[in-house]
Amino acid sequence: MTSKPLLTRIPNHFITTITFDESAGGGATGTAVPVGTVSGRIILVYHSIYCSTSLTGASATIELGTAGDTDAIIGATTATDIDAGDFWQPGPASPAGAGAWDTLQNTNVAANLIITPVTANVTAGVLEVVFFWLPASVAGSLD
């Protein structure tokens, strides 16, 4: 039997910055914006997605999920509603103002994490993405 040592039960920390510029992979409609590479299976314990530069793009909406389920983590949100100082989070309060923490807890993931611009290009803006995660398989990791 293969098992993980006790220290792997302490959440790992993943952080990345996403800069939108309406290019393919950078905010163009229908093309995935890479967030993180998942190997095996993981559990997203908590997340914080902070907007440091307001998102722009007339009528643009974005979702957070995987290629197989683009809105699995956060459903369609109007990009221009995500302003500098806001946290982008799931639920009816999305996005939320400064100081908010998310409702995402213990979400199982087995595919790469992506943001998908759905209705129009996201022309500019910056999101700072933080995940606290645990491996859910022997090879589980998020990079």
N, C-alpha and C. Protein backbone atom coordinates (compact mmCIF):
# COMPACT_ATOMS: atom_id res chain seq x y z
N MET A 1 0.85 -1.18 0.00
CA MET A 1 0.00 0.00 0.00
C MET A 1 0.89 1.24 0.00
N THR A 2 0.55 2.19 -0.85
CA THR A 2 1.28 3.45 -0.91
C THR A 2 0.49 4.50 -0.17
N SER A 3 1.17 5.25 0.67
CA SER A 3 0.48 6.31 1.40
C SER A 3 1.36 7.55 1.46
N LYS A 4 0.74 8.64 1.78
CA LYS A 4 1.44 9.91 1.91
C LYS A 4 1.75 10.15 3.39
N PRO A 5 2.90 10.75 3.69
CA PRO A 5 3.20 11.07 5.09
C PRO A 5 2.27 12.16 5.62
N LEU A 6 2.25 12.29 6.92
CA LEU A 6 1.37 13.25 7.59
C LEU A 6 1.53 14.66 7.05
N LEU A 7 2.74 15.09 6.70
CA LEU A 7 2.94 16.47 6.25
C LEU A 7 2.18 16.79 4.98
N THR A 8 1.84 15.78 4.16
CA THR A 8 1.08 16.07 2.94
C THR A 8 -0.38 16.37 3.25
N ARG A 9 -0.78 16.21 4.49
CA ARG A 9 -2.15 16.57 4.87
C ARG A 9 -2.26 18.04 5.29
N ILE A 10 -1.14 18.72 5.34
CA ILE A 10 -1.12 20.16 5.58
C ILE A 10 -1.26 20.82 4.21
N PRO A 11 -2.22 21.72 4.02
CA PRO A 11 -2.45 22.29 2.69
C PRO A 11 -1.19 22.91 2.08
N ASN A 12 -1.02 22.64 0.79
CA ASN A 12 0.03 23.26 0.00
C ASN A 12 -0.46 24.61 -0.48
N HIS A 13 0.47 25.45 -0.88
CA HIS A 13 0.18 26.82 -1.30
C HIS A 13 0.56 26.97 -2.76
N PHE A 14 -0.37 27.43 -3.59
CA PHE A 14 -0.13 27.71 -5.01
C PHE A 14 -0.52 29.15 -5.27
N ILE A 15 0.34 29.88 -5.97
CA ILE A 15 0.03 31.27 -6.30
C ILE A 15 0.51 31.58 -7.71
N THR A 16 -0.30 32.31 -8.44
CA THR A 16 0.07 32.74 -9.79
C THR A 16 -0.63 34.05 -10.10
N THR A 17 -0.11 34.78 -11.05
CA THR A 17 -0.71 36.04 -11.50
C THR A 17 -1.15 35.87 -12.95
N ILE A 18 -2.38 36.24 -13.23
CA ILE A 18 -2.93 36.17 -14.58
C ILE A 18 -3.10 37.60 -15.09
N THR A 19 -2.43 37.90 -16.22
CA THR A 19 -2.55 39.22 -16.85
C THR A 19 -3.33 39.05 -18.15
N PHE A 20 -4.45 39.72 -18.25
CA PHE A 20 -5.28 39.64 -19.45
C PHE A 20 -4.85 40.70 -20.46
N ASP A 21 -4.81 40.28 -21.75
CA ASP A 21 -4.44 41.21 -22.82
C ASP A 21 -5.17 40.89 -24.13
N GLU A 22 -6.24 40.12 -24.06
CA GLU A 22 -7.11 39.67 -25.14
C GLU A 22 -6.43 38.81 -26.19
N SER A 23 -5.24 38.30 -25.91
CA SER A 23 -4.57 37.37 -26.82
C SER A 23 -5.10 35.96 -26.57
N ALA A 24 -4.77 35.03 -27.47
CA ALA A 24 -5.12 33.63 -27.26
C ALA A 24 -4.40 33.16 -26.00
N GLY A 25 -5.13 32.63 -25.05
CA GLY A 25 -4.55 32.23 -23.77
C GLY A 25 -4.36 33.38 -22.81
N GLY A 26 -4.76 34.58 -23.22
CA GLY A 26 -4.62 35.76 -22.37
C GLY A 26 -5.89 36.58 -22.30
N GLY A 27 -7.01 35.96 -22.67
CA GLY A 27 -8.28 36.66 -22.57
C GLY A 27 -9.14 36.63 -23.82
N ALA A 28 -8.67 35.97 -24.89
CA ALA A 28 -9.47 35.89 -26.11
C ALA A 28 -10.67 34.97 -25.87
N THR A 29 -11.80 35.35 -26.42
CA THR A 29 -13.04 34.60 -26.24
C THR A 29 -12.87 33.14 -26.63
N GLY A 30 -13.30 32.26 -25.74
CA GLY A 30 -13.30 30.83 -26.02
C GLY A 30 -11.98 30.12 -25.92
N THR A 31 -10.91 30.83 -25.60
CA THR A 31 -9.61 30.16 -25.44
C THR A 31 -9.23 30.15 -23.97
N ALA A 32 -8.78 28.99 -23.52
CA ALA A 32 -8.45 28.82 -22.11
C ALA A 32 -7.27 29.69 -21.69
N VAL A 33 -7.42 30.30 -20.53
CA VAL A 33 -6.32 31.03 -19.89
C VAL A 33 -5.78 30.08 -18.82
N PRO A 34 -4.57 29.54 -19.00
CA PRO A 34 -4.04 28.57 -18.03
C PRO A 34 -3.88 29.19 -16.65
N VAL A 35 -4.31 28.45 -15.63
CA VAL A 35 -4.16 28.89 -14.24
C VAL A 35 -3.18 27.98 -13.52
N GLY A 36 -3.41 26.67 -13.56
CA GLY A 36 -2.54 25.73 -12.88
C GLY A 36 -2.63 24.34 -13.49
N THR A 37 -1.52 23.61 -13.46
CA THR A 37 -1.45 22.26 -14.00
C THR A 37 -1.68 21.26 -12.87
N VAL A 38 -2.70 20.44 -13.03
CA VAL A 38 -3.04 19.43 -12.02
C VAL A 38 -2.55 18.08 -12.50
N SER A 39 -1.82 17.39 -11.63
CA SER A 39 -1.41 16.01 -11.87
C SER A 39 -2.17 15.14 -10.88
N GLY A 40 -2.65 14.00 -11.32
CA GLY A 40 -3.43 13.14 -10.44
C GLY A 40 -4.70 13.84 -10.02
N ARG A 41 -5.01 13.74 -8.74
CA ARG A 41 -6.21 14.39 -8.19
C ARG A 41 -5.81 15.23 -6.99
N ILE A 42 -6.49 16.38 -6.85
CA ILE A 42 -6.25 17.26 -5.71
C ILE A 42 -7.59 17.70 -5.12
N ILE A 43 -7.52 18.24 -3.91
CA ILE A 43 -8.67 18.87 -3.29
C ILE A 43 -8.31 20.33 -3.06
N LEU A 44 -9.08 21.24 -3.67
CA LEU A 44 -8.90 22.66 -3.40
C LEU A 44 -9.59 22.94 -2.08
N VAL A 45 -8.81 23.32 -1.10
CA VAL A 45 -9.34 23.54 0.24
C VAL A 45 -9.90 24.96 0.35
N TYR A 46 -9.12 25.95 -0.03
CA TYR A 46 -9.55 27.35 -0.02
C TYR A 46 -8.92 28.04 -1.21
N HIS A 47 -9.50 29.17 -1.58
CA HIS A 47 -8.86 29.98 -2.61
C HIS A 47 -9.11 31.46 -2.34
N SER A 48 -8.26 32.26 -2.96
CA SER A 48 -8.41 33.70 -2.93
C SER A 48 -8.00 34.20 -4.30
N ILE A 49 -8.91 34.85 -5.00
CA ILE A 49 -8.59 35.42 -6.31
C ILE A 49 -8.83 36.93 -6.19
N TYR A 50 -7.73 37.66 -6.16
CA TYR A 50 -7.75 39.10 -5.91
C TYR A 50 -7.48 39.84 -7.22
N CYS A 51 -8.26 40.87 -7.47
CA CYS A 51 -8.07 41.69 -8.65
C CYS A 51 -7.20 42.89 -8.29
N SER A 52 -5.99 42.95 -8.86
CA SER A 52 -5.10 44.08 -8.58
C SER A 52 -5.21 45.18 -9.63
N THR A 53 -5.70 44.83 -10.83
CA THR A 53 -5.97 45.81 -11.89
C THR A 53 -7.32 45.45 -12.49
N SER A 54 -8.25 46.39 -12.52
CA SER A 54 -9.62 46.13 -12.99
C SER A 54 -9.65 45.43 -14.34
N LEU A 55 -10.58 44.46 -14.48
CA LEU A 55 -10.74 43.77 -15.75
C LEU A 55 -11.58 44.63 -16.69
N THR A 56 -11.21 44.62 -17.97
CA THR A 56 -11.94 45.38 -18.98
C THR A 56 -12.27 44.47 -20.15
N GLY A 57 -13.28 44.89 -20.91
CA GLY A 57 -13.72 44.12 -22.07
C GLY A 57 -15.24 44.18 -22.14
N ALA A 58 -15.76 44.95 -23.09
CA ALA A 58 -17.20 45.16 -23.20
C ALA A 58 -17.94 43.83 -23.27
N SER A 59 -18.85 43.61 -22.36
CA SER A 59 -19.73 42.44 -22.25
C SER A 59 -18.99 41.11 -22.02
N ALA A 60 -17.71 41.16 -21.65
CA ALA A 60 -16.95 39.94 -21.40
C ALA A 60 -17.40 39.26 -20.11
N THR A 61 -17.50 37.93 -20.15
CA THR A 61 -17.74 37.14 -18.95
C THR A 61 -16.64 36.09 -18.85
N ILE A 62 -16.31 35.71 -17.62
CA ILE A 62 -15.28 34.69 -17.40
C ILE A 62 -15.79 33.64 -16.44
N GLU A 63 -15.24 32.43 -16.56
CA GLU A 63 -15.56 31.30 -15.69
C GLU A 63 -14.25 30.66 -15.26
N LEU A 64 -14.29 29.99 -14.10
CA LEU A 64 -13.12 29.25 -13.61
C LEU A 64 -13.52 27.79 -13.46
N GLY A 65 -12.71 26.92 -14.07
CA GLY A 65 -12.98 25.49 -13.99
C GLY A 65 -11.91 24.70 -14.70
N THR A 66 -12.35 23.69 -15.43
CA THR A 66 -11.44 22.82 -16.21
C THR A 66 -11.96 22.76 -17.64
N ALA A 67 -11.19 22.16 -18.54
CA ALA A 67 -11.61 22.07 -19.94
C ALA A 67 -12.93 21.32 -20.07
N GLY A 68 -13.13 20.29 -19.23
CA GLY A 68 -14.35 19.51 -19.29
C GLY A 68 -15.54 20.14 -18.61
N ASP A 69 -15.32 21.14 -17.78
CA ASP A 69 -16.39 21.82 -17.03
C ASP A 69 -15.89 23.23 -16.69
N THR A 70 -16.03 24.14 -17.65
CA THR A 70 -15.39 25.45 -17.54
C THR A 70 -15.92 26.32 -16.41
N ASP A 71 -17.11 25.99 -15.88
CA ASP A 71 -17.64 26.78 -14.77
C ASP A 71 -17.76 25.95 -13.49
N ALA A 72 -16.95 24.92 -13.37
CA ALA A 72 -17.05 24.00 -12.22
C ALA A 72 -16.74 24.67 -10.90
N ILE A 73 -15.90 25.70 -10.90
CA ILE A 73 -15.47 26.33 -9.64
C ILE A 73 -16.14 27.69 -9.45
N ILE A 74 -16.10 28.53 -10.48
CA ILE A 74 -16.83 29.81 -10.44
C ILE A 74 -17.56 29.97 -11.77
N GLY A 75 -18.86 30.18 -11.69
CA GLY A 75 -19.68 30.36 -12.88
C GLY A 75 -19.45 31.70 -13.55
N ALA A 76 -20.14 31.89 -14.67
CA ALA A 76 -19.98 33.10 -15.48
C ALA A 76 -20.16 34.36 -14.64
N THR A 77 -19.16 35.22 -14.73
CA THR A 77 -19.14 36.50 -14.02
C THR A 77 -18.79 37.59 -15.03
N THR A 78 -19.50 38.69 -15.00
CA THR A 78 -19.17 39.81 -15.89
C THR A 78 -17.80 40.36 -15.50
N ALA A 79 -16.87 40.30 -16.45
CA ALA A 79 -15.48 40.68 -16.16
C ALA A 79 -15.36 42.11 -15.66
N THR A 80 -16.14 43.02 -16.25
CA THR A 80 -16.02 44.43 -15.86
C THR A 80 -16.57 44.70 -14.47
N ASP A 81 -17.24 43.72 -13.86
CA ASP A 81 -17.69 43.85 -12.47
C ASP A 81 -16.56 43.52 -11.49
N ILE A 82 -15.46 42.98 -11.99
CA ILE A 82 -14.32 42.63 -11.15
C ILE A 82 -13.33 43.79 -11.21
N ASP A 83 -13.39 44.61 -10.18
CA ASP A 83 -12.59 45.83 -10.12
C ASP A 83 -11.38 45.65 -9.21
N ALA A 84 -10.39 46.51 -9.37
CA ALA A 84 -9.22 46.49 -8.48
C ALA A 84 -9.70 46.55 -7.04
N GLY A 85 -9.17 45.66 -6.22
CA GLY A 85 -9.56 45.59 -4.82
C GLY A 85 -10.65 44.58 -4.53
N ASP A 86 -11.27 44.02 -5.59
CA ASP A 86 -12.30 43.00 -5.41
C ASP A 86 -11.67 41.61 -5.33
N PHE A 87 -12.42 40.69 -4.70
CA PHE A 87 -12.10 39.27 -4.72
C PHE A 87 -13.13 38.60 -5.62
N TRP A 88 -12.67 37.77 -6.56
CA TRP A 88 -13.58 37.02 -7.43
C TRP A 88 -13.86 35.70 -6.74
N GLN A 89 -15.13 35.40 -6.52
CA GLN A 89 -15.48 34.21 -5.76
C GLN A 89 -16.78 33.61 -6.29
N PRO A 90 -17.05 32.34 -5.95
CA PRO A 90 -18.31 31.73 -6.38
C PRO A 90 -19.48 32.27 -5.58
N GLY A 91 -20.66 32.07 -6.12
CA GLY A 91 -21.87 32.42 -5.38
C GLY A 91 -22.50 33.71 -5.83
N PRO A 92 -23.64 34.02 -5.24
CA PRO A 92 -24.41 35.20 -5.67
C PRO A 92 -23.73 36.52 -5.36
N ALA A 93 -22.74 36.53 -4.48
CA ALA A 93 -22.05 37.78 -4.15
C ALA A 93 -20.84 38.01 -5.04
N SER A 94 -20.67 37.22 -6.09
CA SER A 94 -19.49 37.32 -6.94
C SER A 94 -19.60 38.54 -7.83
N PRO A 95 -18.58 39.37 -7.97
CA PRO A 95 -17.41 39.41 -7.09
C PRO A 95 -17.75 40.12 -5.78
N ALA A 96 -16.87 39.98 -4.83
CA ALA A 96 -17.09 40.61 -3.53
C ALA A 96 -16.03 41.67 -3.28
N GLY A 97 -16.33 42.59 -2.41
CA GLY A 97 -15.42 43.69 -2.12
C GLY A 97 -14.25 43.26 -1.27
N ALA A 98 -13.42 44.20 -0.94
CA ALA A 98 -12.21 43.95 -0.16
C ALA A 98 -12.54 43.26 1.15
N GLY A 99 -11.69 42.34 1.54
CA GLY A 99 -11.82 41.65 2.81
C GLY A 99 -12.66 40.38 2.75
N ALA A 100 -13.24 40.07 1.60
CA ALA A 100 -14.09 38.88 1.50
C ALA A 100 -13.25 37.62 1.39
N TRP A 101 -13.81 36.50 1.86
CA TRP A 101 -13.19 35.19 1.69
C TRP A 101 -14.21 34.33 0.97
N ASP A 102 -13.74 33.34 0.27
CA ASP A 102 -14.60 32.59 -0.63
C ASP A 102 -15.48 31.55 0.05
N THR A 103 -16.37 30.96 -0.77
CA THR A 103 -17.21 29.86 -0.31
C THR A 103 -16.70 28.52 -0.83
N LEU A 104 -15.63 28.53 -1.62
CA LEU A 104 -15.06 27.30 -2.13
C LEU A 104 -14.37 26.55 -1.00
N GLN A 105 -14.78 25.32 -0.78
CA GLN A 105 -14.12 24.48 0.21
C GLN A 105 -14.21 23.04 -0.25
N ASN A 106 -13.08 22.34 -0.17
CA ASN A 106 -13.03 20.91 -0.45
C ASN A 106 -13.61 20.54 -1.81
N THR A 107 -13.11 21.17 -2.86
CA THR A 107 -13.53 20.91 -4.22
C THR A 107 -12.53 19.96 -4.87
N ASN A 108 -13.01 18.82 -5.35
CA ASN A 108 -12.16 17.82 -6.00
C ASN A 108 -11.86 18.23 -7.43
N VAL A 109 -10.59 18.11 -7.83
CA VAL A 109 -10.17 18.49 -9.17
C VAL A 109 -9.23 17.42 -9.72
N ALA A 110 -9.44 17.03 -11.00
CA ALA A 110 -8.59 16.03 -11.64
C ALA A 110 -8.17 16.48 -13.04
N ALA A 111 -8.18 17.78 -13.30
CA ALA A 111 -7.79 18.32 -14.60
C ALA A 111 -7.20 19.71 -14.38
N ASN A 112 -6.48 20.20 -15.39
CA ASN A 112 -5.85 21.52 -15.29
C ASN A 112 -6.89 22.61 -15.05
N LEU A 113 -6.53 23.58 -14.24
CA LEU A 113 -7.41 24.71 -13.93
C LEU A 113 -7.25 25.79 -14.98
N ILE A 114 -8.38 26.32 -15.46
CA ILE A 114 -8.37 27.35 -16.49
C ILE A 114 -9.43 28.41 -16.19
N ILE A 115 -9.20 29.60 -16.75
CA ILE A 115 -10.23 30.64 -16.82
C ILE A 115 -10.65 30.70 -18.28
N THR A 116 -11.95 30.72 -18.52
CA THR A 116 -12.45 30.78 -19.89
C THR A 116 -13.24 32.07 -20.10
N PRO A 117 -12.77 32.95 -21.00
CA PRO A 117 -13.58 34.10 -21.41
C PRO A 117 -14.70 33.58 -22.33
N VAL A 118 -15.94 33.85 -21.98
CA VAL A 118 -17.06 33.21 -22.67
C VAL A 118 -17.68 34.09 -23.74
N THR A 119 -18.06 35.31 -23.44
CA THR A 119 -18.87 36.10 -24.37
C THR A 119 -18.11 37.14 -25.18
N ALA A 120 -16.97 37.58 -24.70
CA ALA A 120 -16.17 38.59 -25.41
C ALA A 120 -14.75 38.57 -24.82
N ASN A 121 -13.82 39.20 -25.52
CA ASN A 121 -12.44 39.26 -25.05
C ASN A 121 -12.32 40.05 -23.75
N VAL A 122 -11.45 39.58 -22.86
CA VAL A 122 -11.04 40.38 -21.70
C VAL A 122 -9.79 41.13 -22.17
N THR A 123 -9.91 42.43 -22.30
CA THR A 123 -8.87 43.21 -22.96
C THR A 123 -7.72 43.62 -22.05
N ALA A 124 -7.96 43.68 -20.73
CA ALA A 124 -6.91 44.06 -19.79
C ALA A 124 -7.35 43.68 -18.38
N GLY A 125 -6.38 43.68 -17.47
CA GLY A 125 -6.66 43.41 -16.07
C GLY A 125 -5.72 42.37 -15.51
N VAL A 126 -5.65 42.30 -14.18
CA VAL A 126 -4.74 41.37 -13.50
C VAL A 126 -5.46 40.72 -12.33
N LEU A 127 -5.39 39.37 -12.28
CA LEU A 127 -5.91 38.60 -11.15
C LEU A 127 -4.75 37.89 -10.47
N GLU A 128 -4.73 37.93 -9.15
CA GLU A 128 -3.74 37.19 -8.36
C GLU A 128 -4.46 36.01 -7.74
N VAL A 129 -4.07 34.80 -8.15
CA VAL A 129 -4.78 33.57 -7.78
C VAL A 129 -3.98 32.81 -6.73
N VAL A 130 -4.65 32.46 -5.63
CA VAL A 130 -4.03 31.68 -4.56
C VAL A 130 -4.95 30.50 -4.26
N PHE A 131 -4.36 29.29 -4.26
CA PHE A 131 -5.09 28.09 -3.85
C PHE A 131 -4.34 27.43 -2.72
N PHE A 132 -5.07 26.95 -1.74
CA PHE A 132 -4.54 26.04 -0.73
C PHE A 132 -5.14 24.69 -1.08
N TRP A 133 -4.28 23.69 -1.28
CA TRP A 133 -4.75 22.42 -1.80
C TRP A 133 -4.07 21.23 -1.12
N LEU A 134 -4.72 20.08 -1.23
CA LEU A 134 -4.19 18.83 -0.70
C LEU A 134 -4.15 17.80 -1.82
N PRO A 135 -3.17 16.88 -1.82
CA PRO A 135 -3.21 15.80 -2.80
C PRO A 135 -4.36 14.85 -2.45
N ALA A 136 -5.06 14.37 -3.48
CA ALA A 136 -6.13 13.41 -3.28
C ALA A 136 -5.79 12.07 -3.92
N SER A 137 -4.58 11.98 -4.47
CA SER A 137 -4.04 10.74 -5.00
C SER A 137 -2.54 10.76 -4.73
N VAL A 138 -1.89 9.64 -4.87
CA VAL A 138 -0.46 9.56 -4.60
C VAL A 138 0.32 10.56 -5.45
N ALA A 139 -0.09 10.76 -6.69
CA ALA A 139 0.61 11.67 -7.59
C ALA A 139 -0.05 13.05 -7.63
N GLY A 140 -0.95 13.34 -6.73
CA GLY A 140 -1.68 14.60 -6.77
C GLY A 140 -0.79 15.81 -6.55
N SER A 141 -0.85 16.78 -7.50
CA SER A 141 -0.09 18.02 -7.35
C SER A 141 -0.72 19.13 -8.18
N LEU A 142 -0.40 20.36 -7.82
CA LEU A 142 -0.83 21.55 -8.53
C LEU A 142 0.39 22.42 -8.73
N ASP A 143 0.72 22.67 -10.00
CA ASP A 143 1.87 23.50 -10.35
C ASP A 143 1.45 24.60 -11.29
